[in-house]
Amino acid sequence: MSKKQQKPALRLAGHNIYTDKKNRTIFYDFWSKRGYMVEKKDENKMAFYQNRLVIILFTAILCAGTFLTWKQAVLAGVILFAVTEVYYRVSVFKKLSTTDEVDFHKRVSPLQSILYHKSRGRVLALAVLYPLFSLLVLLNAYMENYSMGLNVLSVCLAVLGLYCCALHVVALTKMQ
């Protein structure tokens, strides 16, 4: 089999993204124990769903830094998370076709996704930008004199940025 045939069809990757015997991308929901086939047209919705916690964390920090207290921001984050979960479970997942042909040994890792779908220049740029993002998040927290709760959230985002940087550096070393 050539490399092109082994390549996942979509850019989604992570602990709940698998492929089936026909190399179609499957989102496996551990709560409902169902596999959902993700087509190209549903890719952006599923990418948002996968990244919902980070997006909600960004939103909560921005809200707390601008016009809410950290307790109000946490409450807003919890409400946003609940609304997102209900929307996806009631609306989006119902439109996706389900499958039982999930091959749990063929998980699509984030590193594989980077290697298959990003150019060397883009990976290099992201490897440089992620640590800068981490530094800017921490500097912003310091300059704005965030409370302890927001400082913890900012540190979590900085650690996530460093993880993404490490992932892209590893991808750079594996690229030809």
Protein backbone atom coordinates (compact mmCIF):
# COMPACT_ATOMS: atom_id res chain seq x y z
CA MET A 1 0.00 0.00 0.00
CA SER A 2 1.36 3.42 -0.87
CA LYS A 3 1.67 6.30 1.57
CA LYS A 4 -1.21 8.10 -0.11
CA GLN A 5 -3.60 5.20 0.62
CA GLN A 6 -2.53 5.04 4.30
CA LYS A 7 -3.09 8.74 4.78
CA PRO A 8 -6.27 9.63 6.74
CA ALA A 9 -8.81 11.50 4.65
CA LEU A 10 -9.31 14.35 7.15
CA ARG A 11 -7.16 16.56 9.30
CA LEU A 12 -8.80 15.43 12.55
CA ALA A 13 -6.63 13.64 15.09
CA GLY A 14 -6.68 12.80 18.75
CA HIS A 15 -7.61 10.24 21.35
CA ASN A 16 -11.12 9.72 19.94
CA ILE A 17 -10.35 9.72 16.20
CA TYR A 18 -9.95 6.31 14.56
CA THR A 19 -10.27 4.78 11.13
CA ASP A 20 -12.23 1.79 9.92
CA LYS A 21 -11.28 -0.98 7.50
CA LYS A 22 -12.09 1.29 4.54
CA ASN A 23 -9.81 4.02 5.95
CA ARG A 24 -12.74 6.35 6.69
CA THR A 25 -12.36 8.70 9.64
CA ILE A 26 -14.43 7.77 12.69
CA PHE A 27 -15.13 9.92 15.75
CA TYR A 28 -15.72 7.56 18.68
CA ASP A 29 -17.83 8.97 21.50
CA PHE A 30 -16.86 7.19 24.72
CA TRP A 31 -20.02 8.34 26.53
CA SER A 32 -22.48 6.86 24.07
CA LYS A 33 -20.10 4.07 22.93
CA ARG A 34 -20.82 4.90 19.27
CA GLY A 35 -18.64 5.60 16.29
CA TYR A 36 -19.65 8.45 13.99
CA MET A 37 -18.35 8.64 10.43
CA VAL A 38 -16.99 12.12 9.78
CA GLU A 39 -17.15 13.32 6.21
CA LYS A 40 -15.24 16.25 4.76
CA LYS A 41 -18.24 18.59 5.13
CA ASP A 42 -18.43 17.88 8.90
CA GLU A 43 -14.73 18.34 9.52
CA ASN A 44 -14.89 21.92 10.85
CA LYS A 45 -17.75 21.13 13.25
CA MET A 46 -15.86 18.16 14.66
CA ALA A 47 -12.62 20.15 14.92
CA PHE A 48 -14.48 22.75 17.00
CA TYR A 49 -16.00 20.00 19.15
CA GLN A 50 -12.60 18.45 19.75
CA ASN A 51 -11.12 21.80 20.73
CA ARG A 52 -14.12 23.02 22.71
CA LEU A 53 -12.35 22.95 26.09
CA VAL A 54 -9.46 25.11 24.88
CA ILE A 55 -11.81 27.53 23.13
CA ILE A 56 -13.99 27.80 26.24
CA LEU A 57 -10.87 28.31 28.38
CA PHE A 58 -9.76 31.17 26.07
CA THR A 59 -13.22 32.70 26.27
CA ALA A 60 -13.34 32.43 30.07
CA ILE A 61 -9.92 34.08 30.46
CA LEU A 62 -10.84 36.89 28.07
CA CYS A 63 -14.13 37.48 29.87
CA ALA A 64 -12.47 37.47 33.28
CA GLY A 65 -9.72 39.78 32.09
CA THR A 66 -12.12 42.29 30.62
CA PHE A 67 -15.44 42.51 32.41
CA LEU A 68 -16.17 39.51 34.65
CA THR A 69 -14.72 38.25 37.92
CA TRP A 70 -12.96 34.89 37.79
CA LYS A 71 -15.95 33.20 39.45
CA GLN A 72 -18.31 34.63 36.84
CA ALA A 73 -15.90 33.55 34.10
CA VAL A 74 -15.82 29.98 35.45
CA LEU A 75 -19.61 29.95 35.57
CA ALA A 76 -19.77 31.29 32.01
CA GLY A 77 -17.29 28.59 30.94
CA VAL A 78 -19.38 25.84 32.53
CA ILE A 79 -22.52 27.17 30.84
CA LEU A 80 -20.74 27.39 27.46
CA PHE A 81 -19.51 23.82 27.89
CA ALA A 82 -23.02 22.57 28.71
CA VAL A 83 -24.56 24.41 25.75
CA THR A 84 -21.88 23.05 23.41
CA GLU A 85 -22.39 19.47 24.63
CA VAL A 86 -26.17 19.67 24.30
CA TYR A 87 -25.93 21.21 20.83
CA TYR A 88 -23.58 18.54 19.54
CA ARG A 89 -25.41 15.62 21.13
CA VAL A 90 -28.88 16.78 20.04
CA SER A 91 -28.08 18.28 16.65
CA VAL A 92 -24.72 17.46 15.11
CA PHE A 93 -24.26 13.82 16.18
CA LYS A 94 -27.79 12.98 15.02
CA LYS A 95 -26.87 14.00 11.45
CA LEU A 96 -23.75 11.80 11.33
CA SER A 97 -24.07 8.17 10.36
CA THR A 98 -23.01 5.66 13.00
CA THR A 99 -20.79 2.64 12.55
CA ASP A 100 -19.64 -0.35 14.55
CA GLU A 101 -16.53 -0.87 12.42
CA VAL A 102 -14.20 1.19 14.60
CA ASP A 103 -10.66 -0.20 14.54
CA PHE A 104 -9.30 0.80 17.94
CA HIS A 105 -5.79 -0.13 16.84
CA LYS A 106 -5.82 2.48 14.06
CA ARG A 107 -5.99 5.71 16.02
CA VAL A 108 -5.01 8.89 14.19
CA SER A 109 -2.49 10.67 16.39
CA PRO A 110 -1.91 14.43 16.32
CA LEU A 111 1.65 13.78 15.13
CA GLN A 112 0.38 11.75 12.16
CA SER A 113 -2.05 14.51 11.27
CA ILE A 114 0.71 17.12 11.33
CA LEU A 115 2.99 14.96 9.21
CA TYR A 116 0.29 14.20 6.62
CA HIS A 117 -1.40 17.57 6.29
CA LYS A 118 1.05 20.38 7.03
CA SER A 119 3.97 21.69 5.02
CA ARG A 120 7.43 21.94 6.54
CA GLY A 121 7.26 25.75 6.53
CA ARG A 122 3.95 25.79 8.37
CA VAL A 123 5.21 23.30 10.97
CA LEU A 124 8.34 25.39 11.50
CA ALA A 125 6.27 28.56 11.91
CA LEU A 126 3.99 26.88 14.44
CA ALA A 127 6.98 25.46 16.34
CA VAL A 128 8.17 29.05 16.78
CA LEU A 129 4.77 30.65 17.41
CA TYR A 130 3.51 28.25 20.09
CA PRO A 131 6.22 29.10 22.66
CA LEU A 132 5.72 32.79 21.87
CA PHE A 133 2.00 32.29 22.54
CA SER A 134 2.84 30.64 25.88
CA LEU A 135 5.10 33.51 26.84
CA LEU A 136 2.51 36.12 25.85
CA VAL A 137 -0.24 34.40 27.86
CA LEU A 138 1.97 34.43 30.95
CA LEU A 139 3.07 38.03 30.39
CA ASN A 140 -0.53 39.11 29.94
CA ALA A 141 -1.51 37.44 33.20
CA TYR A 142 1.36 39.19 34.97
CA MET A 143 0.72 42.62 33.41
CA GLU A 144 -3.02 42.49 34.11
CA ASN A 145 -2.46 41.33 37.71
CA TYR A 146 -4.83 38.39 37.31
CA SER A 147 -6.21 36.67 40.37
CA MET A 148 -4.94 33.23 41.41
CA GLY A 149 -7.70 31.42 39.48
CA LEU A 150 -6.93 33.23 36.23
CA ASN A 151 -3.20 32.73 36.75
CA VAL A 152 -3.79 28.99 37.00
CA LEU A 153 -5.84 29.06 33.77
CA SER A 154 -3.11 31.09 32.06
CA VAL A 155 -0.43 28.62 33.15
CA CYS A 156 -2.59 25.77 31.78
CA LEU A 157 -2.78 27.54 28.42
CA ALA A 158 0.97 28.16 28.45
CA VAL A 159 1.65 24.46 29.14
CA LEU A 160 -0.71 23.54 26.28
CA GLY A 161 1.22 25.90 24.01
CA LEU A 162 4.50 24.26 25.00
CA TYR A 163 3.03 20.80 24.35
CA CYS A 164 1.94 21.91 20.87
CA CYS A 165 5.42 23.36 20.29
CA ALA A 166 7.05 20.06 21.28
CA LEU A 167 4.67 18.18 18.99
CA HIS A 168 5.60 20.39 16.05
CA VAL A 169 9.33 20.11 16.81
CA VAL A 170 9.05 16.31 16.81
CA ALA A 171 7.12 16.53 13.52
CA LEU A 172 9.92 18.69 12.07
CA THR A 173 12.51 16.08 12.97
CA LYS A 174 10.44 13.34 11.31
CA MET A 175 9.76 15.27 8.09
CA GLN A 176 11.93 14.53 5.09
